[in-house]
Amino acid sequence: MTTTEAPRPGTAPPPTTTKPSRRRSALRRRNALIGWSFILPNFLGFGFLTLLPVLILFYMAFTNWNVFGKADWVGIANFQRLLGDGSFHIAFWNTIYYSVLHIPLTIVVSLGLALLLNNKLRGVAFFRTAAFFPYITSIVAIAVVWNLLFSPDYGPINEVLRAIGIAQPPGWLTSSEWAMPAVVIVSTWRDMGYYMILFLAGLQTVPRELHEAARMDGANVWERFVNVTLPSLRPTMFFVTVMLTINSFKIFDLILVMTDGGPGQSTLVLSQFIYKKGFEESQFGYASAAAVALFFLCILVTIGQFVWNKKRSA
């Protein structure tokens, strides 16, 4: 049997850890509340404005709903209808066609601009701003100006082509063959400034010592670019490629204003197909199924890019 000895007279009682532990617990709770107070509005906005609409979209894809009546469950009928819809097939391949042209062209142009404006030139800040300015310009203003430039009869572009000896220049936006390349040109011109900024940020991280060492070894400009600059830009290049792919698949506003999917269906893309079926024909269930198909297309391509980048990095 053990007994607790009483403290001797004149000695201090043993220290207690109750109050400090309570203070630490209160401090943790207060810090947690402060942290949640900062991130909760963003979580609520994401939940109500993004996550909830996406969940509703997936539900609507399996229904037949025209806004005014009840949403009738139809299972996979909407997806089966997509497989036999000729307009959907045209929109799908037009989206692929646009992406195949737009992605590499934008990468080449924006990277070239970044390499040029990464040098110490007089007025380089002005030229960087001028290259970025189209990205923040109104889509409507861009479309109106470029429609005038692409005018087959009086546009400056065709006038220049005639002046250099091309007797029959393209019809551009009035031609089913040249309408999509014209849209790609405008889209590349608009997007190049944004991706130029990303490449500029990546170029700032490339050590100058590597270039100096390669120059001392006798490497020319092209060899330094291939063996030093491009490997150092691999993370930036991967990010730019993923962002460009996603943005190319969901292109909508520029095509809507410039061509409205025409002439015919030569520039009809998936986003505009979804818009037409949903907001013009009130087939919201069918439009939701097309949106789900576009969503999984973006997911599959993005996953493929991640796997390919991982294999290259291994």
C-alpha atoms as a PDB file:
ATOM      1  CA  MET A   1       0.000   0.000   0.000  1.00  0.00           C
ATOM      2  CA  THR A   2       1.388   3.373  -1.066  1.00  0.00           C
ATOM      3  CA  THR A   3       0.711   6.718   0.486  1.00  0.00           C
ATOM      4  CA  THR A   4       1.109  10.186  -0.976  1.00  0.00           C
ATOM      5  CA  GLU A   5       3.588  12.228   0.956  1.00  0.00           C
ATOM      6  CA  ALA A   6       2.491  15.724   1.878  1.00  0.00           C
ATOM      7  CA  PRO A   7       4.812  18.516   0.804  1.00  0.00           C
ATOM      8  CA  ARG A   8       7.278  19.499   3.420  1.00  0.00           C
ATOM      9  CA  PRO A   9       6.802  22.822   5.139  1.00  0.00           C
ATOM     10  CA  GLY A  10       8.554  25.671   3.302  1.00  0.00           C
ATOM     11  CA  THR A  11       8.739  23.839  -0.069  1.00  0.00           C
ATOM     12  CA  ALA A  12       6.839  24.865  -3.253  1.00  0.00           C
ATOM     13  CA  PRO A  13       4.086  22.549  -4.550  1.00  0.00           C
ATOM     14  CA  PRO A  14       4.918  20.463  -7.643  1.00  0.00           C
ATOM     15  CA  PRO A  15       4.327  22.297 -10.956  1.00  0.00           C
ATOM     16  CA  THR A  16       1.020  21.630 -12.695  1.00  0.00           C
ATOM     17  CA  THR A  17       0.575  21.332 -16.464  1.00  0.00           C
ATOM     18  CA  THR A  18      -3.190  21.787 -16.558  1.00  0.00           C
ATOM     19  CA  LYS A  19      -3.302  25.497 -17.276  1.00  0.00           C
ATOM     20  CA  PRO A  20      -0.574  25.526 -19.998  1.00  0.00           C
ATOM     21  CA  SER A  21      -2.194  22.584 -21.785  1.00  0.00           C
ATOM     22  CA  ARG A  22      -5.550  24.353 -21.667  1.00  0.00           C
ATOM     23  CA  ARG A  23      -3.954  27.461 -23.112  1.00  0.00           C
ATOM     24  CA  ARG A  24      -2.402  25.449 -25.948  1.00  0.00           C
ATOM     25  CA  SER A  25      -5.740  23.784 -26.714  1.00  0.00           C
ATOM     26  CA  ALA A  26      -7.506  27.127 -26.765  1.00  0.00           C
ATOM     27  CA  LEU A  27      -4.803  28.552 -29.020  1.00  0.00           C
ATOM     28  CA  ARG A  28      -5.164  25.628 -31.439  1.00  0.00           C
ATOM     29  CA  ARG A  29      -8.944  26.066 -31.548  1.00  0.00           C
ATOM     30  CA  ARG A  30      -8.592  29.787 -32.145  1.00  0.00           C
ATOM     31  CA  ASN A  31      -6.055  29.242 -34.951  1.00  0.00           C
ATOM     32  CA  ALA A  32      -8.294  26.602 -36.494  1.00  0.00           C
ATOM     33  CA  LEU A  33     -11.292  28.941 -36.399  1.00  0.00           C
ATOM     34  CA  ILE A  34      -9.256  31.734 -37.952  1.00  0.00           C
ATOM     35  CA  GLY A  35      -8.044  29.395 -40.691  1.00  0.00           C
ATOM     36  CA  TRP A  36     -11.543  28.133 -41.441  1.00  0.00           C
ATOM     37  CA  SER A  37     -12.881  31.689 -41.498  1.00  0.00           C
ATOM     38  CA  PHE A  38     -10.470  32.421 -44.344  1.00  0.00           C
ATOM     39  CA  ILE A  39     -11.046  29.291 -46.451  1.00  0.00           C
ATOM     40  CA  LEU A  40     -14.753  28.634 -45.720  1.00  0.00           C
ATOM     41  CA  PRO A  41     -16.078  31.340 -48.111  1.00  0.00           C
ATOM     42  CA  ASN A  42     -14.032  29.822 -50.920  1.00  0.00           C
ATOM     43  CA  PHE A  43     -15.237  26.326 -50.072  1.00  0.00           C
ATOM     44  CA  LEU A  44     -18.850  27.510 -49.967  1.00  0.00           C
ATOM     45  CA  GLY A  45     -18.461  29.282 -53.290  1.00  0.00           C
ATOM     46  CA  PHE A  46     -16.875  26.197 -54.854  1.00  0.00           C
ATOM     47  CA  GLY A  47     -19.544  23.929 -53.402  1.00  0.00           C
ATOM     48  CA  PHE A  48     -22.586  25.960 -54.473  1.00  0.00           C
ATOM     49  CA  LEU A  49     -21.288  27.478 -57.714  1.00  0.00           C
ATOM     50  CA  THR A  50     -19.130  24.630 -59.094  1.00  0.00           C
ATOM     51  CA  LEU A  51     -19.524  21.254 -57.394  1.00  0.00           C
ATOM     52  CA  LEU A  52     -23.330  21.332 -57.039  1.00  0.00           C
ATOM     53  CA  PRO A  53     -23.943  22.383 -60.692  1.00  0.00           C
ATOM     54  CA  VAL A  54     -21.582  19.632 -61.869  1.00  0.00           C
ATOM     55  CA  LEU A  55     -23.475  17.022 -59.844  1.00  0.00           C
ATOM     56  CA  ILE A  56     -26.772  18.313 -61.231  1.00  0.00           C
ATOM     57  CA  LEU A  57     -25.276  18.177 -64.731  1.00  0.00           C
ATOM     58  CA  PHE A  58     -24.412  14.495 -64.319  1.00  0.00           C
ATOM     59  CA  TYR A  59     -27.961  13.773 -63.146  1.00  0.00           C
ATOM     60  CA  MET A  60     -29.520  15.745 -66.004  1.00  0.00           C
ATOM     61  CA  ALA A  61     -27.449  13.809 -68.547  1.00  0.00           C
ATOM     62  CA  PHE A  62     -29.623  10.773 -67.807  1.00  0.00           C
ATOM     63  CA  THR A  63     -32.925  12.642 -68.092  1.00  0.00           C
ATOM     64  CA  ASN A  64     -35.136  14.238 -70.712  1.00  0.00           C
ATOM     65  CA  TRP A  65     -35.806  17.814 -69.570  1.00  0.00           C
ATOM     66  CA  ASN A  66     -36.823  20.970 -71.403  1.00  0.00           C
ATOM     67  CA  VAL A  67     -36.942  23.326 -68.360  1.00  0.00           C
ATOM     68  CA  PHE A  68     -40.733  23.666 -68.317  1.00  0.00           C
ATOM     69  CA  GLY A  69     -41.743  20.102 -67.526  1.00  0.00           C
ATOM     70  CA  LYS A  70     -40.575  17.342 -65.239  1.00  0.00           C
ATOM     71  CA  ALA A  71     -37.192  15.743 -65.795  1.00  0.00           C
ATOM     72  CA  ASP A  72     -37.954  12.181 -66.961  1.00  0.00           C
ATOM     73  CA  TRP A  73     -35.287   9.543 -66.325  1.00  0.00           C
ATOM     74  CA  VAL A  74     -34.175   7.990 -69.631  1.00  0.00           C
ATOM     75  CA  GLY A  75     -30.987   6.210 -68.589  1.00  0.00           C
ATOM     76  CA  ILE A  76     -28.259   6.111 -71.246  1.00  0.00           C
ATOM     77  CA  ALA A  77     -30.624   7.056 -74.088  1.00  0.00           C
ATOM     78  CA  ASN A  78     -29.010  10.487 -74.463  1.00  0.00           C
ATOM     79  CA  PHE A  79     -25.553   8.943 -74.858  1.00  0.00           C
ATOM     80  CA  GLN A  80     -26.852   6.443 -77.392  1.00  0.00           C
ATOM     81  CA  ARG A  81     -28.359   9.331 -79.305  1.00  0.00           C
ATOM     82  CA  LEU A  82     -25.001  11.105 -79.302  1.00  0.00           C
ATOM     83  CA  LEU A  83     -23.362   8.131 -81.000  1.00  0.00           C
ATOM     84  CA  GLY A  84     -25.772   8.439 -83.937  1.00  0.00           C
ATOM     85  CA  ASP A  85     -25.913  12.235 -84.123  1.00  0.00           C
ATOM     86  CA  GLY A  86     -24.085  13.500 -87.218  1.00  0.00           C
ATOM     87  CA  SER A  87     -23.847  17.055 -85.841  1.00  0.00           C
ATOM     88  CA  PHE A  88     -22.169  15.761 -82.708  1.00  0.00           C
ATOM     89  CA  HIS A  89     -19.630  13.844 -84.803  1.00  0.00           C
ATOM     90  CA  ILE A  90     -18.880  16.990 -86.838  1.00  0.00           C
ATOM     91  CA  ALA A  91     -18.508  19.065 -83.663  1.00  0.00           C
ATOM     92  CA  PHE A  92     -16.229  16.438 -82.122  1.00  0.00           C
ATOM     93  CA  TRP A  93     -13.863  16.269 -85.092  1.00  0.00           C
ATOM     94  CA  ASN A  94     -13.914  20.052 -85.527  1.00  0.00           C
ATOM     95  CA  THR A  95     -12.834  20.361 -81.891  1.00  0.00           C
ATOM     96  CA  ILE A  96      -9.982  17.913 -82.493  1.00  0.00           C
ATOM     97  CA  TYR A  97      -9.026  19.753 -85.693  1.00  0.00           C
ATOM     98  CA  TYR A  98      -8.982  23.103 -83.909  1.00  0.00           C
ATOM     99  CA  SER A  99      -6.928  21.706 -81.011  1.00  0.00           C
ATOM    100  CA  VAL A 100      -4.371  20.018 -83.298  1.00  0.00           C
ATOM    101  CA  LEU A 101      -3.771  23.347 -85.060  1.00  0.00           C
ATOM    102  CA  HIS A 102      -4.058  25.689 -82.098  1.00  0.00           C
ATOM    103  CA  ILE A 103      -1.930  23.934 -79.468  1.00  0.00           C
ATOM    104  CA  PRO A 104       1.404  23.560 -81.329  1.00  0.00           C
ATOM    105  CA  LEU A 105       1.054  26.916 -83.117  1.00  0.00           C
ATOM    106  CA  THR A 106       0.425  28.774 -79.842  1.00  0.00           C
ATOM    107  CA  ILE A 107       3.323  27.009 -78.125  1.00  0.00           C
ATOM    108  CA  VAL A 108       5.740  27.887 -80.936  1.00  0.00           C
ATOM    109  CA  VAL A 109       4.649  31.534 -81.191  1.00  0.00           C
ATOM    110  CA  SER A 110       4.488  32.199 -77.438  1.00  0.00           C
ATOM    111  CA  LEU A 111       7.814  30.458 -76.779  1.00  0.00           C
ATOM    112  CA  GLY A 112       9.438  32.411 -79.612  1.00  0.00           C
ATOM    113  CA  LEU A 113       8.124  35.669 -78.163  1.00  0.00           C
ATOM    114  CA  ALA A 114       9.351  34.699 -74.698  1.00  0.00           C
ATOM    115  CA  LEU A 115      12.828  33.915 -76.002  1.00  0.00           C
ATOM    116  CA  LEU A 116      12.932  37.226 -77.862  1.00  0.00           C
ATOM    117  CA  LEU A 117      11.616  39.334 -74.984  1.00  0.00           C
ATOM    118  CA  ASN A 118      13.767  37.580 -72.391  1.00  0.00           C
ATOM    119  CA  ASN A 119      16.755  39.553 -73.655  1.00  0.00           C
ATOM    120  CA  LYS A 120      17.762  42.948 -72.341  1.00  0.00           C
ATOM    121  CA  LEU A 121      16.334  45.185 -75.041  1.00  0.00           C
ATOM    122  CA  ARG A 122      15.348  48.825 -74.990  1.00  0.00           C
ATOM    123  CA  GLY A 123      11.619  49.115 -74.388  1.00  0.00           C
ATOM    124  CA  VAL A 124      11.220  45.401 -73.589  1.00  0.00           C
ATOM    125  CA  ALA A 125       8.546  46.163 -70.968  1.00  0.00           C
ATOM    126  CA  PHE A 126       6.442  47.932 -73.605  1.00  0.00           C
ATOM    127  CA  PHE A 127       6.689  45.014 -76.031  1.00  0.00           C
ATOM    128  CA  ARG A 128       5.760  42.527 -73.299  1.00  0.00           C
ATOM    129  CA  THR A 129       2.691  44.597 -72.463  1.00  0.00           C
ATOM    130  CA  ALA A 130       1.763  44.939 -76.126  1.00  0.00           C
ATOM    131  CA  ALA A 131       2.015  41.157 -76.627  1.00  0.00           C
ATOM    132  CA  PHE A 132      -0.133  40.494 -73.557  1.00  0.00           C
ATOM    133  CA  PHE A 133      -2.757  43.159 -74.346  1.00  0.00           C
ATOM    134  CA  PRO A 134      -4.859  41.039 -76.798  1.00  0.00           C
ATOM    135  CA  TYR A 135      -5.483  38.488 -74.045  1.00  0.00           C
ATOM    136  CA  ILE A 136      -7.387  41.034 -71.944  1.00  0.00           C
ATOM    137  CA  THR A 137      -9.198  42.622 -74.898  1.00  0.00           C
ATOM    138  CA  SER A 138     -12.902  42.002 -75.384  1.00  0.00           C
ATOM    139  CA  ILE A 139     -13.688  38.936 -77.488  1.00  0.00           C
ATOM    140  CA  VAL A 140     -16.382  40.875 -79.349  1.00  0.00           C
ATOM    141  CA  ALA A 141     -13.958  43.651 -80.277  1.00  0.00           C
ATOM    142  CA  ILE A 142     -11.367  41.106 -81.438  1.00  0.00           C
ATOM    143  CA  ALA A 143     -13.920  39.240 -83.551  1.00  0.00           C
ATOM    144  CA  VAL A 144     -15.283  42.399 -85.205  1.00  0.00           C
ATOM    145  CA  VAL A 145     -11.813  43.701 -86.107  1.00  0.00           C
ATOM    146  CA  TRP A 146     -10.583  40.361 -87.464  1.00  0.00           C
ATOM    147  CA  ASN A 147     -13.786  39.830 -89.443  1.00  0.00           C
ATOM    148  CA  LEU A 148     -13.002  43.104 -91.215  1.00  0.00           C
ATOM    149  CA  LEU A 149      -9.384  42.042 -91.753  1.00  0.00           C
ATOM    150  CA  PHE A 150     -10.508  38.697 -93.204  1.00  0.00           C
ATOM    151  CA  SER A 151     -13.093  40.242 -95.537  1.00  0.00           C
ATOM    152  CA  PRO A 152     -12.606  38.386 -98.867  1.00  0.00           C
ATOM    153  CA  ASP A 153     -13.221  41.447-101.051  1.00  0.00           C
ATOM    154  CA  TYR A 154     -12.002  44.468 -99.103  1.00  0.00           C
ATOM    155  CA  GLY A 155      -9.980  43.024 -96.201  1.00  0.00           C
ATOM    156  CA  PRO A 156      -6.360  44.182 -95.836  1.00  0.00           C
ATOM    157  CA  ILE A 157      -5.124  40.575 -95.588  1.00  0.00           C
ATOM    158  CA  ASN A 158      -6.420  39.606 -99.022  1.00  0.00           C
ATOM    159  CA  GLU A 159      -5.267  42.944-100.456  1.00  0.00           C
ATOM    160  CA  VAL A 160      -1.721  42.134 -99.327  1.00  0.00           C
ATOM    161  CA  LEU A 161      -2.000  38.627-100.802  1.00  0.00           C
ATOM    162  CA  ARG A 162      -3.130  40.065-104.130  1.00  0.00           C
ATOM    163  CA  ALA A 163      -0.277  42.566-104.037  1.00  0.00           C
ATOM    164  CA  ILE A 164       2.284  39.763-103.756  1.00  0.00           C
ATOM    165  CA  GLY A 165       0.829  37.867-106.705  1.00  0.00           C
ATOM    166  CA  ILE A 166      -1.903  35.599-105.285  1.00  0.00           C
ATOM    167  CA  ALA A 167      -4.756  36.253-107.707  1.00  0.00           C
ATOM    168  CA  GLN A 168      -7.410  34.263-105.807  1.00  0.00           C
ATOM    169  CA  PRO A 169      -6.773  34.571-102.050  1.00  0.00           C
ATOM    170  CA  PRO A 170      -8.802  32.455 -99.610  1.00  0.00           C
ATOM    171  CA  GLY A 171     -12.337  33.374 -98.686  1.00  0.00           C
ATOM    172  CA  TRP A 172     -11.394  32.910 -95.020  1.00  0.00           C
ATOM    173  CA  LEU A 173     -14.549  33.092 -92.906  1.00  0.00           C
ATOM    174  CA  THR A 174     -16.824  32.570 -95.926  1.00  0.00           C
ATOM    175  CA  SER A 175     -15.009  29.379 -96.923  1.00  0.00           C
ATOM    176  CA  SER A 176     -15.671  26.023 -95.253  1.00  0.00           C
ATOM    177  CA  GLU A 177     -12.003  25.081 -95.810  1.00  0.00           C
ATOM    178  CA  TRP A 178     -10.392  28.267 -94.492  1.00  0.00           C
ATOM    179  CA  ALA A 179     -12.816  29.283 -91.720  1.00  0.00           C
ATOM    180  CA  MET A 180     -11.240  27.085 -89.045  1.00  0.00           C
ATOM    181  CA  PRO A 181      -7.635  28.084 -89.888  1.00  0.00           C
ATOM    182  CA  ALA A 182      -8.751  31.727 -89.696  1.00  0.00           C
ATOM    183  CA  VAL A 183     -10.214  31.130 -86.239  1.00  0.00           C
ATOM    184  CA  VAL A 184      -6.986  29.394 -85.182  1.00  0.00           C
ATOM    185  CA  ILE A 185      -4.946  32.401 -86.333  1.00  0.00           C
ATOM    186  CA  VAL A 186      -7.072  34.799 -84.303  1.00  0.00           C
ATOM    187  CA  SER A 187      -7.110  32.515 -81.267  1.00  0.00           C
ATOM    188  CA  THR A 188      -3.329  32.114 -81.377  1.00  0.00           C
ATOM    189  CA  TRP A 189      -2.871  35.871 -81.690  1.00  0.00           C
ATOM    190  CA  ARG A 190      -5.099  36.381 -78.670  1.00  0.00           C
ATOM    191  CA  ASP A 191      -3.598  33.671 -76.436  1.00  0.00           C
ATOM    192  CA  MET A 192       0.085  34.058 -77.238  1.00  0.00           C
ATOM    193  CA  GLY A 193       0.642  36.879 -74.722  1.00  0.00           C
ATOM    194  CA  TYR A 194      -0.647  34.885 -71.770  1.00  0.00           C
ATOM    195  CA  TYR A 195       1.469  31.821 -72.501  1.00  0.00           C
ATOM    196  CA  MET A 196       4.416  34.067 -73.318  1.00  0.00           C
ATOM    197  CA  ILE A 197       4.278  35.297 -69.709  1.00  0.00           C
ATOM    198  CA  LEU A 198       4.352  31.691 -68.477  1.00  0.00           C
ATOM    199  CA  PHE A 199       7.342  30.860 -70.655  1.00  0.00           C
ATOM    200  CA  LEU A 200       9.080  34.047 -69.529  1.00  0.00           C
ATOM    201  CA  ALA A 201       8.647  32.950 -65.925  1.00  0.00           C
ATOM    202  CA  GLY A 202      10.153  29.581 -66.818  1.00  0.00           C
ATOM    203  CA  LEU A 203      13.078  31.156 -68.661  1.00  0.00           C
ATOM    204  CA  GLN A 204      13.917  33.239 -65.601  1.00  0.00           C
ATOM    205  CA  THR A 205      14.625  30.019 -63.693  1.00  0.00           C
ATOM    206  CA  VAL A 206      17.154  28.667 -66.220  1.00  0.00           C
ATOM    207  CA  PRO A 207      20.634  29.150 -64.695  1.00  0.00           C
ATOM    208  CA  ARG A 208      22.851  31.350 -66.840  1.00  0.00           C
ATOM    209  CA  GLU A 209      25.808  29.202 -65.815  1.00  0.00           C
ATOM    210  CA  LEU A 210      24.447  26.369 -67.962  1.00  0.00           C
ATOM    211  CA  HIS A 211      24.375  28.593 -71.038  1.00  0.00           C
ATOM    212  CA  GLU A 212      27.862  29.884 -70.293  1.00  0.00           C
ATOM    213  CA  ALA A 213      29.195  26.351 -69.893  1.00  0.00           C
ATOM    214  CA  ALA A 214      27.554  25.236 -73.152  1.00  0.00           C
ATOM    215  CA  ARG A 215      28.944  28.280 -74.957  1.00  0.00           C
ATOM    216  CA  MET A 216      32.425  27.523 -73.689  1.00  0.00           C
ATOM    217  CA  ASP A 217      32.059  23.950 -74.971  1.00  0.00           C
ATOM    218  CA  GLY A 218      31.400  25.345 -78.445  1.00  0.00           C
ATOM    219  CA  ALA A 219      27.598  24.906 -78.594  1.00  0.00           C
ATOM    220  CA  ASN A 220      25.819  27.248 -81.000  1.00  0.00           C
ATOM    221  CA  VAL A 221      22.500  29.000 -80.355  1.00  0.00           C
ATOM    222  CA  TRP A 222      20.339  26.112 -81.586  1.00  0.00           C
ATOM    223  CA  GLU A 223      22.288  23.509 -79.617  1.00  0.00           C
ATOM    224  CA  ARG A 224      22.009  25.592 -76.436  1.00  0.00           C
ATOM    225  CA  PHE A 225      18.276  25.932 -77.018  1.00  0.00           C
ATOM    226  CA  VAL A 226      17.752  22.188 -77.551  1.00  0.00           C
ATOM    227  CA  ASN A 227      20.112  20.899 -74.858  1.00  0.00           C
ATOM    228  CA  VAL A 228      19.812  23.584 -72.171  1.00  0.00           C
ATOM    229  CA  THR A 229      16.690  25.713 -72.555  1.00  0.00           C
ATOM    230  CA  LEU A 230      14.102  23.094 -73.525  1.00  0.00           C
ATOM    231  CA  PRO A 231      15.044  20.552 -70.795  1.00  0.00           C
ATOM    232  CA  SER A 232      14.930  23.332 -68.191  1.00  0.00           C
ATOM    233  CA  LEU A 233      11.499  24.407 -69.472  1.00  0.00           C
ATOM    234  CA  ARG A 234       9.976  20.918 -69.198  1.00  0.00           C
ATOM    235  CA  PRO A 235       7.718  21.707 -66.161  1.00  0.00           C
ATOM    236  CA  THR A 236       6.555  24.958 -67.764  1.00  0.00           C
ATOM    237  CA  MET A 237       6.020  23.259 -71.121  1.00  0.00           C
ATOM    238  CA  PHE A 238       3.930  20.538 -69.470  1.00  0.00           C
ATOM    239  CA  PHE A 239       1.753  23.076 -67.658  1.00  0.00           C
ATOM    240  CA  VAL A 240       1.273  25.166 -70.794  1.00  0.00           C
ATOM    241  CA  THR A 241       0.377  22.081 -72.846  1.00  0.00           C
ATOM    242  CA  VAL A 242      -2.235  20.918 -70.334  1.00  0.00           C
ATOM    243  CA  MET A 243      -3.811  24.369 -70.047  1.00  0.00           C
ATOM    244  CA  LEU A 244      -3.805  24.846 -73.824  1.00  0.00           C
ATOM    245  CA  THR A 245      -5.413  21.446 -74.367  1.00  0.00           C
ATOM    246  CA  ILE A 246      -8.231  22.102 -71.920  1.00  0.00           C
ATOM    247  CA  ASN A 247      -8.860  25.611 -73.260  1.00  0.00           C
ATOM    248  CA  SER A 248      -8.801  24.338 -76.858  1.00  0.00           C
ATOM    249  CA  PHE A 249     -11.376  21.651 -76.151  1.00  0.00           C
ATOM    250  CA  LYS A 250     -13.762  24.147 -74.582  1.00  0.00           C
ATOM    251  CA  ILE A 251     -13.348  26.954 -77.157  1.00  0.00           C
ATOM    252  CA  PHE A 252     -16.679  28.719 -77.519  1.00  0.00           C
ATOM    253  CA  ASP A 253     -16.853  32.503 -77.344  1.00  0.00           C
ATOM    254  CA  LEU A 254     -14.510  33.376 -80.218  1.00  0.00           C
ATOM    255  CA  ILE A 255     -16.160  30.955 -82.642  1.00  0.00           C
ATOM    256  CA  LEU A 256     -19.626  32.050 -81.551  1.00  0.00           C
ATOM    257  CA  VAL A 257     -18.905  35.694 -82.367  1.00  0.00           C
ATOM    258  CA  MET A 258     -16.742  35.184 -85.469  1.00  0.00           C
ATOM    259  CA  THR A 259     -18.524  32.412 -87.388  1.00  0.00           C
ATOM    260  CA  ASP A 260     -21.390  31.088 -85.236  1.00  0.00           C
ATOM    261  CA  GLY A 261     -20.302  27.605 -86.296  1.00  0.00           C
ATOM    262  CA  GLY A 262     -20.427  28.365 -90.013  1.00  0.00           C
ATOM    263  CA  PRO A 263     -20.212  28.383 -92.874  1.00  0.00           C
ATOM    264  CA  GLY A 264     -22.442  25.369 -92.642  1.00  0.00           C
ATOM    265  CA  GLN A 265     -21.012  23.371 -89.745  1.00  0.00           C
ATOM    266  CA  SER A 266     -17.349  23.813 -90.643  1.00  0.00           C
ATOM    267  CA  THR A 267     -16.492  25.548 -87.352  1.00  0.00           C
ATOM    268  CA  LEU A 268     -19.091  23.948 -85.088  1.00  0.00           C
ATOM    269  CA  VAL A 269     -17.317  22.741 -81.928  1.00  0.00           C
ATOM    270  CA  LEU A 270     -18.521  20.763 -78.931  1.00  0.00           C
ATOM    271  CA  SER A 271     -19.076  23.758 -76.661  1.00  0.00           C
ATOM    272  CA  GLN A 272     -21.258  25.450 -79.265  1.00  0.00           C
ATOM    273  CA  PHE A 273     -23.096  22.179 -79.929  1.00  0.00           C
ATOM    274  CA  ILE A 274     -23.921  22.024 -76.206  1.00  0.00           C
ATOM    275  CA  TYR A 275     -25.035  25.668 -76.249  1.00  0.00           C
ATOM    276  CA  LYS A 276     -27.305  25.163 -79.250  1.00  0.00           C
ATOM    277  CA  LYS A 277     -28.946  22.019 -77.901  1.00  0.00           C
ATOM    278  CA  GLY A 278     -29.447  23.502 -74.443  1.00  0.00           C
ATOM    279  CA  PHE A 279     -30.280  27.170 -74.846  1.00  0.00           C
ATOM    280  CA  GLU A 280     -31.599  27.318 -78.415  1.00  0.00           C
ATOM    281  CA  GLU A 281     -33.475  24.006 -78.629  1.00  0.00           C
ATOM    282  CA  SER A 282     -34.223  23.565 -74.879  1.00  0.00           C
ATOM    283  CA  GLN A 283     -32.931  19.974 -74.866  1.00  0.00           C
ATOM    284  CA  PHE A 284     -31.116  20.327 -71.571  1.00  0.00           C
ATOM    285  CA  GLY A 285     -30.870  16.635 -70.854  1.00  0.00           C
ATOM    286  CA  TYR A 286     -29.296  15.949 -74.251  1.00  0.00           C
ATOM    287  CA  ALA A 287     -27.008  18.981 -73.912  1.00  0.00           C
ATOM    288  CA  SER A 288     -25.931  17.738 -70.477  1.00  0.00           C
ATOM    289  CA  ALA A 289     -24.990  14.373 -71.959  1.00  0.00           C
ATOM    290  CA  ALA A 290     -22.828  16.147 -74.561  1.00  0.00           C
ATOM    291  CA  ALA A 291     -21.231  18.209 -71.762  1.00  0.00           C
ATOM    292  CA  VAL A 292     -20.421  15.023 -69.843  1.00  0.00           C
ATOM    293  CA  ALA A 293     -18.832  13.580 -72.982  1.00  0.00           C
ATOM    294  CA  LEU A 294     -16.699  16.721 -73.345  1.00  0.00           C
ATOM    295  CA  PHE A 295     -15.773  16.516 -69.659  1.00  0.00           C
ATOM    296  CA  PHE A 296     -14.510  12.948 -69.967  1.00  0.00           C
ATOM    297  CA  LEU A 297     -12.682  13.800 -73.182  1.00  0.00           C
ATOM    298  CA  CYS A 298     -10.748  16.512 -71.322  1.00  0.00           C
ATOM    299  CA  ILE A 299     -10.101  14.151 -68.402  1.00  0.00           C
ATOM    300  CA  LEU A 300      -8.783  11.341 -70.625  1.00  0.00           C
ATOM    301  CA  VAL A 301      -6.482  13.622 -72.608  1.00  0.00           C
ATOM    302  CA  THR A 302      -5.185  15.282 -69.437  1.00  0.00           C
ATOM    303  CA  ILE A 303      -4.497  11.922 -67.783  1.00  0.00           C
ATOM    304  CA  GLY A 304      -2.682  10.804 -70.927  1.00  0.00           C
ATOM    305  CA  GLN A 305      -0.523  13.925 -70.782  1.00  0.00           C
ATOM    306  CA  PHE A 306       0.321  13.291 -67.134  1.00  0.00           C
ATOM    307  CA  VAL A 307       1.281   9.669 -67.854  1.00  0.00           C
ATOM    308  CA  TRP A 308       3.398  10.672 -70.850  1.00  0.00           C
ATOM    309  CA  ASN A 309       5.149  13.407 -68.862  1.00  0.00           C
ATOM    310  CA  LYS A 310       5.825  10.985 -66.005  1.00  0.00           C
ATOM    311  CA  LYS A 311       7.420   8.468 -68.385  1.00  0.00           C
ATOM    312  CA  ARG A 312       9.593  11.181 -69.911  1.00  0.00           C
ATOM    313  CA  SER A 313      10.691  12.371 -66.471  1.00  0.00           C
ATOM    314  CA  ALA A 314      11.525   8.845 -65.258  1.00  0.00           C
END
